[in-house]
Amino acid sequence: MAKGSEELTNRRREEILSAARQLYDEMPFKDIALKEIADRTSFTRTSIYNYFTGKEEIFMSLLQSEFSLWADDIDAMDSEDFAVGLSATLGKRKCMLKMMSMNLYEIEDGSRIERLTEFKTAYGRAIASVKSALKRYFPSCGEEFAEEFVYSFFPFLFGVYPYTEVTEKQKTAMKAAGVPYREFVTEEISRMLIEKLVRSVN
């Protein structure tokens, strides 16, 4: 592929992802159609198929981008406190946490294996970044502890958004059902878990 053509392709892909990100801030995933995405780009809906097979693949690539940015933030952590630093990186990743809270199986199933592999590579890099940060902050922690941390922490991420972005309708239903509810922000709920997970190596 010629350099100019590759640059144009990358610009177009980023334009599509930016449009999808904007829409995802405004409406649920199920209500977003390719037409809405195309309306926020400089080209037609049909042209989108030159870059992605459909909506699922667009959001798979968006999630890939989110994980890459998160890994960058983890690698650059400079807080003196591991739990504070790692939870702060999550505070910047609302889009990532929101996407993780929905059914990723459908997005993965609707993506080509190449795109899914690109996403899994970014996901794997985030895992490696968390392990590296753990060993940086806690030099005495071994690989077994790092593995246990990852397999406790990453599943937890799928539930962060629903606990921190609660609608008024949900609050009303919780109150009517007599279910106690406490408001959390991402950094707070994440820090609480991280502190518990690393307590044995402090």
N, C-alpha and C. Protein backbone atom coordinates (compact mmCIF):
# COMPACT_ATOMS: atom_id res chain seq x y z
N MET A 1 0.85 -1.19 0.00
CA MET A 1 0.00 0.00 0.00
C MET A 1 0.89 1.25 0.00
N ALA A 2 0.60 2.19 -0.88
CA ALA A 2 1.38 3.43 -0.95
C ALA A 2 1.23 4.22 0.34
N LYS A 3 2.28 4.98 0.68
CA LYS A 3 2.27 5.74 1.94
C LYS A 3 1.08 6.69 2.03
N GLY A 4 0.80 7.41 0.93
CA GLY A 4 -0.32 8.34 0.93
C GLY A 4 -1.64 7.63 1.14
N SER A 5 -1.76 6.46 0.50
CA SER A 5 -2.99 5.68 0.64
C SER A 5 -3.14 5.15 2.06
N GLU A 6 -2.04 4.72 2.66
CA GLU A 6 -2.07 4.22 4.03
C GLU A 6 -2.44 5.33 5.01
N GLU A 7 -1.89 6.51 4.80
CA GLU A 7 -2.22 7.66 5.66
C GLU A 7 -3.69 8.03 5.55
N LEU A 8 -4.23 8.01 4.31
CA LEU A 8 -5.65 8.31 4.11
C LEU A 8 -6.52 7.27 4.81
N THR A 9 -6.14 6.01 4.67
CA THR A 9 -6.89 4.93 5.32
C THR A 9 -6.92 5.13 6.83
N ASN A 10 -5.76 5.43 7.41
CA ASN A 10 -5.68 5.64 8.86
C ASN A 10 -6.51 6.84 9.30
N ARG A 11 -6.47 7.92 8.52
CA ARG A 11 -7.27 9.12 8.85
C ARG A 11 -8.76 8.79 8.80
N ARG A 12 -9.17 8.06 7.76
CA ARG A 12 -10.58 7.70 7.62
C ARG A 12 -11.03 6.79 8.78
N ARG A 13 -10.20 5.82 9.12
CA ARG A 13 -10.53 4.93 10.23
C ARG A 13 -10.68 5.73 11.53
N GLU A 14 -9.76 6.66 11.77
CA GLU A 14 -9.84 7.47 12.98
C GLU A 14 -11.07 8.37 12.97
N GLU A 15 -11.44 8.86 11.82
CA GLU A 15 -12.64 9.69 11.71
C GLU A 15 -13.89 8.88 12.06
N ILE A 16 -13.94 7.64 11.60
CA ILE A 16 -15.07 6.75 11.89
C ILE A 16 -15.11 6.44 13.39
N LEU A 17 -13.96 6.13 13.96
CA LEU A 17 -13.90 5.81 15.39
C LEU A 17 -14.29 7.01 16.25
N SER A 18 -13.87 8.19 15.84
CA SER A 18 -14.23 9.41 16.56
C SER A 18 -15.73 9.64 16.53
N ALA A 19 -16.34 9.41 15.38
CA ALA A 19 -17.80 9.56 15.25
C ALA A 19 -18.52 8.56 16.14
N ALA A 20 -18.03 7.31 16.15
CA ALA A 20 -18.65 6.27 16.98
C ALA A 20 -18.53 6.62 18.46
N ARG A 21 -17.37 7.14 18.85
CA ARG A 21 -17.16 7.53 20.25
C ARG A 21 -18.12 8.63 20.67
N GLN A 22 -18.30 9.64 19.80
CA GLN A 22 -19.23 10.74 20.10
C GLN A 22 -20.66 10.22 20.27
N LEU A 23 -21.07 9.35 19.34
CA LEU A 23 -22.43 8.80 19.41
C LEU A 23 -22.62 7.96 20.66
N TYR A 24 -21.60 7.20 21.04
CA TYR A 24 -21.69 6.32 22.20
C TYR A 24 -21.82 7.12 23.49
N ASP A 25 -21.36 8.36 23.47
CA ASP A 25 -21.55 9.25 24.62
C ASP A 25 -22.99 9.72 24.72
N GLU A 26 -23.72 9.65 23.60
CA GLU A 26 -25.06 10.22 23.53
C GLU A 26 -26.20 9.20 23.54
N MET A 27 -25.92 7.98 23.12
CA MET A 27 -27.00 6.99 23.00
C MET A 27 -26.48 5.58 23.24
N PRO A 28 -27.40 4.62 23.50
CA PRO A 28 -26.98 3.24 23.72
C PRO A 28 -26.43 2.61 22.43
N PHE A 29 -25.58 1.62 22.60
CA PHE A 29 -24.98 0.91 21.48
C PHE A 29 -26.05 0.39 20.51
N LYS A 30 -27.12 -0.17 21.06
CA LYS A 30 -28.16 -0.79 20.22
C LYS A 30 -28.85 0.21 19.30
N ASP A 31 -28.83 1.49 19.66
CA ASP A 31 -29.50 2.51 18.85
C ASP A 31 -28.59 3.16 17.81
N ILE A 32 -27.32 2.81 17.85
CA ILE A 32 -26.38 3.41 16.89
C ILE A 32 -26.34 2.58 15.62
N ALA A 33 -26.61 3.22 14.49
CA ALA A 33 -26.56 2.55 13.19
C ALA A 33 -25.45 3.17 12.35
N LEU A 34 -25.05 2.46 11.31
CA LEU A 34 -23.99 2.98 10.44
C LEU A 34 -24.37 4.33 9.84
N LYS A 35 -25.66 4.54 9.62
CA LYS A 35 -26.11 5.82 9.05
C LYS A 35 -25.73 6.98 9.98
N GLU A 36 -25.98 6.80 11.28
CA GLU A 36 -25.63 7.86 12.24
C GLU A 36 -24.13 8.10 12.27
N ILE A 37 -23.36 7.02 12.20
CA ILE A 37 -21.90 7.17 12.20
C ILE A 37 -21.46 7.91 10.95
N ALA A 38 -21.99 7.50 9.80
CA ALA A 38 -21.61 8.14 8.52
C ALA A 38 -21.98 9.61 8.51
N ASP A 39 -23.12 9.95 9.13
CA ASP A 39 -23.56 11.35 9.15
C ASP A 39 -22.57 12.26 9.87
N ARG A 40 -21.70 11.68 10.70
CA ARG A 40 -20.72 12.48 11.44
C ARG A 40 -19.32 12.39 10.82
N THR A 41 -19.25 11.80 9.65
CA THR A 41 -17.97 11.73 8.94
C THR A 41 -18.09 12.53 7.64
N SER A 42 -16.98 12.61 6.92
CA SER A 42 -16.96 13.38 5.67
C SER A 42 -17.22 12.50 4.45
N PHE A 43 -17.69 11.25 4.70
CA PHE A 43 -17.96 10.37 3.56
C PHE A 43 -19.24 9.57 3.79
N THR A 44 -19.60 8.72 2.86
CA THR A 44 -20.90 8.04 2.89
C THR A 44 -20.88 6.77 3.73
N ARG A 45 -22.09 6.31 4.05
CA ARG A 45 -22.23 5.06 4.80
C ARG A 45 -21.60 3.90 4.05
N THR A 46 -21.80 3.86 2.74
CA THR A 46 -21.24 2.78 1.93
C THR A 46 -19.72 2.76 2.03
N SER A 47 -19.12 3.93 2.11
CA SER A 47 -17.66 4.03 2.19
C SER A 47 -17.11 3.41 3.47
N ILE A 48 -17.92 3.38 4.51
CA ILE A 48 -17.46 2.80 5.78
C ILE A 48 -17.07 1.34 5.59
N TYR A 49 -17.76 0.64 4.68
CA TYR A 49 -17.46 -0.78 4.46
C TYR A 49 -16.08 -1.00 3.85
N ASN A 50 -15.46 0.06 3.38
CA ASN A 50 -14.07 -0.07 2.91
C ASN A 50 -13.09 -0.22 4.08
N TYR A 51 -13.57 0.10 5.29
CA TYR A 51 -12.69 0.11 6.46
C TYR A 51 -13.13 -0.85 7.55
N PHE A 52 -14.44 -1.08 7.66
CA PHE A 52 -14.99 -1.96 8.68
C PHE A 52 -16.13 -2.78 8.09
N THR A 53 -16.34 -3.99 8.61
CA THR A 53 -17.43 -4.83 8.10
C THR A 53 -18.79 -4.41 8.64
N GLY A 54 -18.81 -3.66 9.72
CA GLY A 54 -20.08 -3.23 10.30
C GLY A 54 -19.87 -2.54 11.63
N LYS A 55 -20.98 -2.27 12.31
CA LYS A 55 -20.94 -1.54 13.58
C LYS A 55 -20.11 -2.27 14.62
N GLU A 56 -20.26 -3.59 14.69
CA GLU A 56 -19.54 -4.36 15.70
C GLU A 56 -18.03 -4.19 15.55
N GLU A 57 -17.56 -4.24 14.32
CA GLU A 57 -16.12 -4.12 14.10
C GLU A 57 -15.61 -2.71 14.42
N ILE A 58 -16.44 -1.71 14.16
CA ILE A 58 -16.07 -0.34 14.52
C ILE A 58 -15.86 -0.24 16.03
N PHE A 59 -16.79 -0.79 16.79
CA PHE A 59 -16.69 -0.70 18.25
C PHE A 59 -15.60 -1.60 18.81
N MET A 60 -15.31 -2.70 18.11
CA MET A 60 -14.18 -3.53 18.51
C MET A 60 -12.87 -2.73 18.39
N SER A 61 -12.75 -1.99 17.29
CA SER A 61 -11.55 -1.17 17.08
C SER A 61 -11.50 -0.01 18.07
N LEU A 62 -12.67 0.54 18.42
CA LEU A 62 -12.72 1.61 19.42
C LEU A 62 -12.25 1.08 20.78
N LEU A 63 -12.68 -0.12 21.13
CA LEU A 63 -12.27 -0.71 22.40
C LEU A 63 -10.77 -1.03 22.38
N GLN A 64 -10.28 -1.46 21.24
CA GLN A 64 -8.84 -1.69 21.08
C GLN A 64 -8.06 -0.41 21.37
N SER A 65 -8.54 0.71 20.80
CA SER A 65 -7.90 2.00 21.02
C SER A 65 -7.93 2.38 22.50
N GLU A 66 -9.05 2.13 23.16
CA GLU A 66 -9.19 2.45 24.58
C GLU A 66 -8.19 1.66 25.43
N PHE A 67 -8.02 0.38 25.12
CA PHE A 67 -7.08 -0.44 25.89
C PHE A 67 -5.64 0.01 25.65
N SER A 68 -5.34 0.42 24.43
CA SER A 68 -4.00 0.91 24.12
C SER A 68 -3.70 2.19 24.91
N LEU A 69 -4.68 3.09 24.95
CA LEU A 69 -4.51 4.34 25.70
C LEU A 69 -4.38 4.07 27.20
N TRP A 70 -5.15 3.10 27.68
CA TRP A 70 -5.07 2.74 29.11
C TRP A 70 -3.70 2.19 29.43
N ALA A 71 -3.19 1.30 28.56
CA ALA A 71 -1.85 0.74 28.78
C ALA A 71 -0.79 1.84 28.81
N ASP A 72 -0.93 2.83 27.92
CA ASP A 72 0.00 3.97 27.92
C ASP A 72 -0.03 4.68 29.27
N ASP A 73 -1.24 4.90 29.79
CA ASP A 73 -1.38 5.59 31.08
C ASP A 73 -0.77 4.77 32.22
N ILE A 74 -0.96 3.46 32.18
CA ILE A 74 -0.40 2.61 33.23
C ILE A 74 1.13 2.66 33.19
N ASP A 75 1.68 2.58 31.97
CA ASP A 75 3.13 2.61 31.82
C ASP A 75 3.73 3.93 32.31
N ALA A 76 2.92 5.00 32.25
CA ALA A 76 3.42 6.33 32.65
C ALA A 76 3.06 6.69 34.10
N MET A 77 2.46 5.77 34.85
CA MET A 77 2.06 6.05 36.23
C MET A 77 3.23 6.54 37.06
N ASP A 78 3.01 7.65 37.78
CA ASP A 78 4.08 8.15 38.64
C ASP A 78 3.60 8.46 40.05
N SER A 79 2.40 8.01 40.38
CA SER A 79 1.89 8.20 41.74
C SER A 79 2.74 7.39 42.71
N GLU A 80 2.87 7.89 43.93
CA GLU A 80 3.62 7.16 44.94
C GLU A 80 2.84 5.95 45.44
N ASP A 81 1.53 5.98 45.26
CA ASP A 81 0.65 4.92 45.74
C ASP A 81 0.09 4.15 44.55
N PHE A 82 0.32 2.84 44.50
CA PHE A 82 -0.11 2.01 43.37
C PHE A 82 -1.63 2.06 43.18
N ALA A 83 -2.39 1.89 44.26
CA ALA A 83 -3.85 1.86 44.16
C ALA A 83 -4.40 3.20 43.65
N VAL A 84 -3.85 4.28 44.15
CA VAL A 84 -4.28 5.62 43.71
C VAL A 84 -3.93 5.82 42.23
N GLY A 85 -2.72 5.44 41.85
CA GLY A 85 -2.29 5.62 40.47
C GLY A 85 -3.08 4.80 39.49
N LEU A 86 -3.27 3.50 39.78
CA LEU A 86 -3.99 2.63 38.85
C LEU A 86 -5.46 3.01 38.75
N SER A 87 -6.08 3.36 39.88
CA SER A 87 -7.50 3.76 39.84
C SER A 87 -7.66 5.08 39.08
N ALA A 88 -6.66 5.96 39.14
CA ALA A 88 -6.72 7.22 38.39
C ALA A 88 -6.69 6.96 36.89
N THR A 89 -5.96 5.94 36.45
CA THR A 89 -5.93 5.63 35.01
C THR A 89 -7.31 5.18 34.55
N LEU A 90 -8.04 4.50 35.40
CA LEU A 90 -9.39 4.05 35.03
C LEU A 90 -10.38 5.21 35.00
N GLY A 91 -10.13 6.22 35.82
CA GLY A 91 -11.00 7.39 35.83
C GLY A 91 -11.03 8.11 34.49
N LYS A 92 -10.01 7.90 33.67
CA LYS A 92 -9.94 8.53 32.34
C LYS A 92 -10.53 7.64 31.25
N ARG A 93 -10.99 6.45 31.58
CA ARG A 93 -11.39 5.47 30.57
C ARG A 93 -12.88 5.11 30.68
N LYS A 94 -13.73 6.13 30.76
CA LYS A 94 -15.17 5.89 30.87
C LYS A 94 -15.70 5.11 29.67
N CYS A 95 -15.25 5.46 28.47
CA CYS A 95 -15.71 4.77 27.26
C CYS A 95 -15.34 3.29 27.32
N MET A 96 -14.13 2.99 27.72
CA MET A 96 -13.68 1.59 27.83
C MET A 96 -14.53 0.82 28.82
N LEU A 97 -14.75 1.40 30.00
CA LEU A 97 -15.53 0.71 31.03
C LEU A 97 -16.98 0.54 30.62
N LYS A 98 -17.52 1.52 29.92
CA LYS A 98 -18.90 1.42 29.44
C LYS A 98 -19.02 0.28 28.43
N MET A 99 -18.07 0.19 27.52
CA MET A 99 -18.10 -0.87 26.51
C MET A 99 -17.92 -2.24 27.16
N MET A 100 -17.07 -2.32 28.18
CA MET A 100 -16.86 -3.61 28.85
C MET A 100 -18.11 -4.09 29.58
N SER A 101 -19.00 -3.17 29.93
CA SER A 101 -20.19 -3.55 30.69
C SER A 101 -21.29 -4.14 29.81
N MET A 102 -21.12 -4.05 28.48
CA MET A 102 -22.15 -4.62 27.60
C MET A 102 -21.68 -5.97 27.07
N ASN A 103 -22.49 -6.60 26.24
CA ASN A 103 -22.19 -7.94 25.75
C ASN A 103 -21.10 -7.92 24.69
N LEU A 104 -19.87 -8.18 25.10
CA LEU A 104 -18.76 -8.15 24.15
C LEU A 104 -18.77 -9.34 23.20
N TYR A 105 -19.49 -10.40 23.57
CA TYR A 105 -19.55 -11.57 22.69
C TYR A 105 -20.07 -11.20 21.31
N GLU A 106 -21.11 -10.37 21.27
CA GLU A 106 -21.69 -9.98 19.98
C GLU A 106 -20.72 -9.14 19.17
N ILE A 107 -20.02 -8.24 19.82
CA ILE A 107 -19.05 -7.40 19.12
C ILE A 107 -17.91 -8.25 18.57
N GLU A 108 -17.43 -9.17 19.40
CA GLU A 108 -16.35 -10.04 18.95
C GLU A 108 -16.80 -10.95 17.82
N ASP A 109 -18.02 -11.48 17.95
CA ASP A 109 -18.53 -12.39 16.92
C ASP A 109 -18.76 -11.67 15.58
N GLY A 110 -19.06 -10.37 15.64
CA GLY A 110 -19.32 -9.61 14.42
C GLY A 110 -18.08 -8.98 13.81
N SER A 111 -16.90 -9.36 14.32
CA SER A 111 -15.64 -8.79 13.83
C SER A 111 -14.81 -9.86 13.13
N ARG A 112 -14.07 -9.46 12.12
CA ARG A 112 -13.15 -10.38 11.45
C ARG A 112 -12.06 -10.80 12.41
N ILE A 113 -11.50 -11.97 12.18
CA ILE A 113 -10.48 -12.51 13.07
C ILE A 113 -9.28 -11.57 13.16
N GLU A 114 -8.95 -10.87 12.07
CA GLU A 114 -7.82 -9.94 12.12
C GLU A 114 -8.08 -8.81 13.10
N ARG A 115 -9.29 -8.25 13.06
CA ARG A 115 -9.65 -7.16 13.97
C ARG A 115 -9.71 -7.65 15.41
N LEU A 116 -10.27 -8.86 15.59
CA LEU A 116 -10.37 -9.42 16.93
C LEU A 116 -8.97 -9.68 17.50
N THR A 117 -8.07 -10.14 16.66
CA THR A 117 -6.70 -10.39 17.09
C THR A 117 -6.01 -9.07 17.48
N GLU A 118 -6.27 -8.00 16.71
CA GLU A 118 -5.70 -6.69 17.05
C GLU A 118 -6.20 -6.23 18.41
N PHE A 119 -7.51 -6.46 18.68
CA PHE A 119 -8.06 -6.09 19.98
C PHE A 119 -7.43 -6.91 21.09
N LYS A 120 -7.33 -8.23 20.89
CA LYS A 120 -6.76 -9.09 21.92
C LYS A 120 -5.30 -8.73 22.19
N THR A 121 -4.59 -8.26 21.17
CA THR A 121 -3.21 -7.82 21.36
C THR A 121 -3.17 -6.61 22.28
N ALA A 122 -4.08 -5.64 22.06
CA ALA A 122 -4.15 -4.46 22.93
C ALA A 122 -4.57 -4.85 24.35
N TYR A 123 -5.50 -5.78 24.46
CA TYR A 123 -5.95 -6.29 25.76
C TYR A 123 -4.78 -6.95 26.49
N GLY A 124 -4.02 -7.76 25.76
CA GLY A 124 -2.86 -8.42 26.34
C GLY A 124 -1.80 -7.44 26.79
N ARG A 125 -1.64 -6.36 26.02
CA ARG A 125 -0.67 -5.34 26.41
C ARG A 125 -1.09 -4.66 27.72
N ALA A 126 -2.41 -4.43 27.88
CA ALA A 126 -2.89 -3.82 29.12
C ALA A 126 -2.61 -4.73 30.31
N ILE A 127 -2.81 -6.03 30.13
CA ILE A 127 -2.51 -6.99 31.20
C ILE A 127 -1.02 -6.93 31.55
N ALA A 128 -0.18 -6.91 30.51
CA ALA A 128 1.27 -6.86 30.73
C ALA A 128 1.66 -5.56 31.44
N SER A 129 0.99 -4.46 31.10
CA SER A 129 1.29 -3.17 31.74
C SER A 129 0.93 -3.18 33.21
N VAL A 130 -0.21 -3.79 33.54
CA VAL A 130 -0.62 -3.90 34.95
C VAL A 130 0.39 -4.75 35.71
N LYS A 131 0.79 -5.88 35.14
CA LYS A 131 1.78 -6.74 35.81
C LYS A 131 3.11 -6.00 36.00
N SER A 132 3.53 -5.28 34.98
CA SER A 132 4.79 -4.54 35.06
C SER A 132 4.73 -3.47 36.15
N ALA A 133 3.58 -2.77 36.23
CA ALA A 133 3.42 -1.74 37.26
C ALA A 133 3.43 -2.38 38.65
N LEU A 134 2.79 -3.51 38.79
CA LEU A 134 2.79 -4.23 40.07
C LEU A 134 4.21 -4.51 40.53
N LYS A 135 5.02 -5.02 39.61
CA LYS A 135 6.39 -5.39 39.95
C LYS A 135 7.27 -4.16 40.18
N ARG A 136 6.89 -3.05 39.56
CA ARG A 136 7.62 -1.79 39.76
C ARG A 136 7.35 -1.26 41.18
N TYR A 137 6.08 -1.33 41.58
CA TYR A 137 5.70 -0.79 42.89
C TYR A 137 5.98 -1.78 44.03
N PHE A 138 5.90 -3.08 43.71
CA PHE A 138 6.09 -4.12 44.73
C PHE A 138 7.14 -5.12 44.22
N PRO A 139 8.41 -4.76 44.29
CA PRO A 139 9.48 -5.61 43.74
C PRO A 139 9.49 -7.03 44.30
N SER A 140 8.94 -7.21 45.50
CA SER A 140 8.97 -8.54 46.12
C SER A 140 7.86 -9.46 45.61
N CYS A 141 6.88 -8.89 44.88
CA CYS A 141 5.77 -9.73 44.42
C CYS A 141 6.23 -10.60 43.25
N GLY A 142 5.83 -11.85 43.28
CA GLY A 142 6.24 -12.79 42.24
C GLY A 142 5.22 -12.87 41.11
N GLU A 143 5.52 -13.72 40.13
CA GLU A 143 4.64 -13.90 38.98
C GLU A 143 3.29 -14.49 39.39
N GLU A 144 3.29 -15.37 40.38
CA GLU A 144 2.04 -15.98 40.84
C GLU A 144 1.10 -14.92 41.41
N PHE A 145 1.65 -14.01 42.22
CA PHE A 145 0.81 -12.94 42.77
C PHE A 145 0.29 -12.04 41.66
N ALA A 146 1.14 -11.70 40.68
CA ALA A 146 0.73 -10.85 39.56
C ALA A 146 -0.39 -11.50 38.77
N GLU A 147 -0.29 -12.81 38.56
CA GLU A 147 -1.34 -13.55 37.84
C GLU A 147 -2.66 -13.50 38.62
N GLU A 148 -2.57 -13.74 39.92
CA GLU A 148 -3.78 -13.72 40.75
C GLU A 148 -4.41 -12.34 40.75
N PHE A 149 -3.58 -11.30 40.80
CA PHE A 149 -4.09 -9.93 40.77
C PHE A 149 -4.85 -9.69 39.47
N VAL A 150 -4.26 -10.04 38.35
CA VAL A 150 -4.87 -9.83 37.03
C VAL A 150 -6.21 -10.56 36.92
N TYR A 151 -6.25 -11.82 37.39
CA TYR A 151 -7.48 -12.60 37.25
C TYR A 151 -8.55 -12.21 38.26
N SER A 152 -8.20 -11.39 39.22
CA SER A 152 -9.20 -10.80 40.11
C SER A 152 -9.63 -9.42 39.62
N PHE A 153 -8.65 -8.65 39.14
CA PHE A 153 -8.89 -7.26 38.78
C PHE A 153 -9.62 -7.10 37.44
N PHE A 154 -9.21 -7.84 36.42
CA PHE A 154 -9.81 -7.63 35.10
C PHE A 154 -11.29 -8.02 35.04
N PRO A 155 -11.73 -9.14 35.63
CA PRO A 155 -13.18 -9.40 35.64
C PRO A 155 -13.96 -8.31 36.38
N PHE A 156 -13.37 -7.75 37.41
CA PHE A 156 -13.99 -6.65 38.17
C PHE A 156 -14.31 -5.47 37.25
N LEU A 157 -13.45 -5.20 36.26
CA LEU A 157 -13.63 -4.05 35.37
C LEU A 157 -14.95 -4.09 34.61
N PHE A 158 -15.47 -5.30 34.36
CA PHE A 158 -16.73 -5.43 33.62
C PHE A 158 -17.92 -4.87 34.42
N GLY A 159 -17.75 -4.70 35.72
CA GLY A 159 -18.86 -4.21 36.53
C GLY A 159 -18.69 -2.79 37.04
N VAL A 160 -17.57 -2.15 36.72
CA VAL A 160 -17.32 -0.80 37.25
C VAL A 160 -18.35 0.19 36.74
N TYR A 161 -18.58 0.22 35.44
CA TYR A 161 -19.48 1.22 34.86
C TYR A 161 -20.90 1.14 35.45
N PRO A 162 -21.52 -0.05 35.54
CA PRO A 162 -22.88 -0.11 36.11
C PRO A 162 -22.96 0.37 37.56
N TYR A 163 -21.85 0.27 38.29
CA TYR A 163 -21.87 0.72 39.69
C TYR A 163 -21.59 2.21 39.84
N THR A 164 -21.03 2.82 38.81
CA THR A 164 -20.66 4.23 38.92
C THR A 164 -21.51 5.16 38.06
N GLU A 165 -22.27 4.59 37.14
CA GLU A 165 -23.13 5.39 36.25
C GLU A 165 -24.56 4.90 36.37
N VAL A 166 -25.16 5.16 37.50
CA VAL A 166 -26.51 4.66 37.80
C VAL A 166 -27.54 5.72 37.41
N THR A 167 -28.57 5.29 36.65
CA THR A 167 -29.60 6.23 36.21
C THR A 167 -30.61 6.49 37.33
N GLU A 168 -31.37 7.57 37.17
CA GLU A 168 -32.42 7.89 38.15
C GLU A 168 -33.46 6.78 38.21
N LYS A 169 -33.77 6.19 37.07
CA LYS A 169 -34.74 5.08 37.02
C LYS A 169 -34.23 3.90 37.84
N GLN A 170 -32.94 3.60 37.71
CA GLN A 170 -32.36 2.50 38.48
C GLN A 170 -32.37 2.81 39.98
N LYS A 171 -32.05 4.06 40.32
CA LYS A 171 -32.07 4.45 41.74
C LYS A 171 -33.46 4.31 42.33
N THR A 172 -34.47 4.72 41.56
CA THR A 172 -35.86 4.62 42.02
C THR A 172 -36.25 3.16 42.25
N ALA A 173 -35.85 2.29 41.31
CA ALA A 173 -36.17 0.87 41.44
C ALA A 173 -35.45 0.25 42.64
N MET A 174 -34.20 0.64 42.87
CA MET A 174 -33.44 0.12 44.01
C MET A 174 -34.12 0.53 45.31
N LYS A 175 -34.55 1.78 45.36
CA LYS A 175 -35.21 2.28 46.57
C LYS A 175 -36.51 1.53 46.82
N ALA A 176 -37.29 1.33 45.74
CA ALA A 176 -38.57 0.62 45.85
C ALA A 176 -38.36 -0.83 46.26
N ALA A 177 -37.24 -1.41 45.82
CA ALA A 177 -36.95 -2.81 46.15
C ALA A 177 -36.29 -2.96 47.51
N GLY A 178 -35.95 -1.82 48.14
CA GLY A 178 -35.31 -1.87 49.45
C GLY A 178 -33.86 -2.31 49.39
N VAL A 179 -33.22 -2.09 48.25
CA VAL A 179 -31.81 -2.47 48.09
C VAL A 179 -30.93 -1.27 48.45
N PRO A 180 -30.04 -1.42 49.41
CA PRO A 180 -29.17 -0.29 49.79
C PRO A 180 -28.31 0.14 48.60
N TYR A 181 -28.15 1.43 48.44
CA TYR A 181 -27.35 1.93 47.33
C TYR A 181 -26.42 3.04 47.80
N ARG A 182 -25.18 2.93 47.40
CA ARG A 182 -24.19 3.95 47.73
C ARG A 182 -23.57 4.44 46.42
N GLU A 183 -23.46 5.74 46.27
CA GLU A 183 -22.88 6.28 45.04
C GLU A 183 -21.36 6.19 45.09
N PHE A 184 -20.79 5.74 43.97
CA PHE A 184 -19.34 5.64 43.84
C PHE A 184 -18.89 6.36 42.57
N VAL A 185 -17.65 6.79 42.57
CA VAL A 185 -17.00 7.22 41.33
C VAL A 185 -15.98 6.14 40.99
N THR A 186 -15.57 6.10 39.73
CA THR A 186 -14.69 5.04 39.25
C THR A 186 -13.43 4.91 40.10
N GLU A 187 -12.77 6.04 40.37
CA GLU A 187 -11.52 5.99 41.12
C GLU A 187 -11.71 5.41 42.51
N GLU A 188 -12.82 5.75 43.15
CA GLU A 188 -13.05 5.30 44.53
C GLU A 188 -13.29 3.79 44.59
N ILE A 189 -14.21 3.30 43.75
CA ILE A 189 -14.56 1.87 43.82
C ILE A 189 -13.39 1.01 43.37
N SER A 190 -12.60 1.52 42.41
CA SER A 190 -11.43 0.77 41.93
C SER A 190 -10.34 0.74 42.99
N ARG A 191 -10.10 1.89 43.61
CA ARG A 191 -9.06 1.96 44.63
C ARG A 191 -9.35 1.02 45.78
N MET A 192 -10.63 0.92 46.19
CA MET A 192 -11.00 0.03 47.29
C MET A 192 -10.60 -1.41 47.01
N LEU A 193 -10.88 -1.87 45.78
CA LEU A 193 -10.53 -3.25 45.43
C LEU A 193 -9.01 -3.42 45.33
N ILE A 194 -8.36 -2.49 44.65
CA ILE A 194 -6.90 -2.61 44.45
C ILE A 194 -6.18 -2.66 45.79
N GLU A 195 -6.60 -1.82 46.73
CA GLU A 195 -5.96 -1.81 48.05
C GLU A 195 -6.11 -3.17 48.73
N LYS A 196 -7.28 -3.80 48.59
CA LYS A 196 -7.50 -5.11 49.19
C LYS A 196 -6.63 -6.17 48.52
N LEU A 197 -6.52 -6.08 47.18
CA LEU A 197 -5.76 -7.08 46.45
C LEU A 197 -4.27 -7.04 46.76
N VAL A 198 -3.74 -5.83 47.02
CA VAL A 198 -2.28 -5.71 47.24
C VAL A 198 -1.92 -5.68 48.72
N ARG A 199 -2.91 -5.82 49.57
CA ARG A 199 -2.64 -5.71 51.02
C ARG A 199 -1.56 -6.70 51.48
N SER A 200 -1.56 -7.89 50.90
CA SER A 200 -0.62 -8.93 51.36
C SER A 200 0.83 -8.65 50.96
N VAL A 201 1.03 -7.72 50.00
CA VAL A 201 2.42 -7.43 49.62
C VAL A 201 2.88 -6.06 50.11
N ASN A 202 2.00 -5.35 50.83
CA ASN A 202 2.38 -4.04 51.37
C ASN A 202 3.29 -4.20 52.58
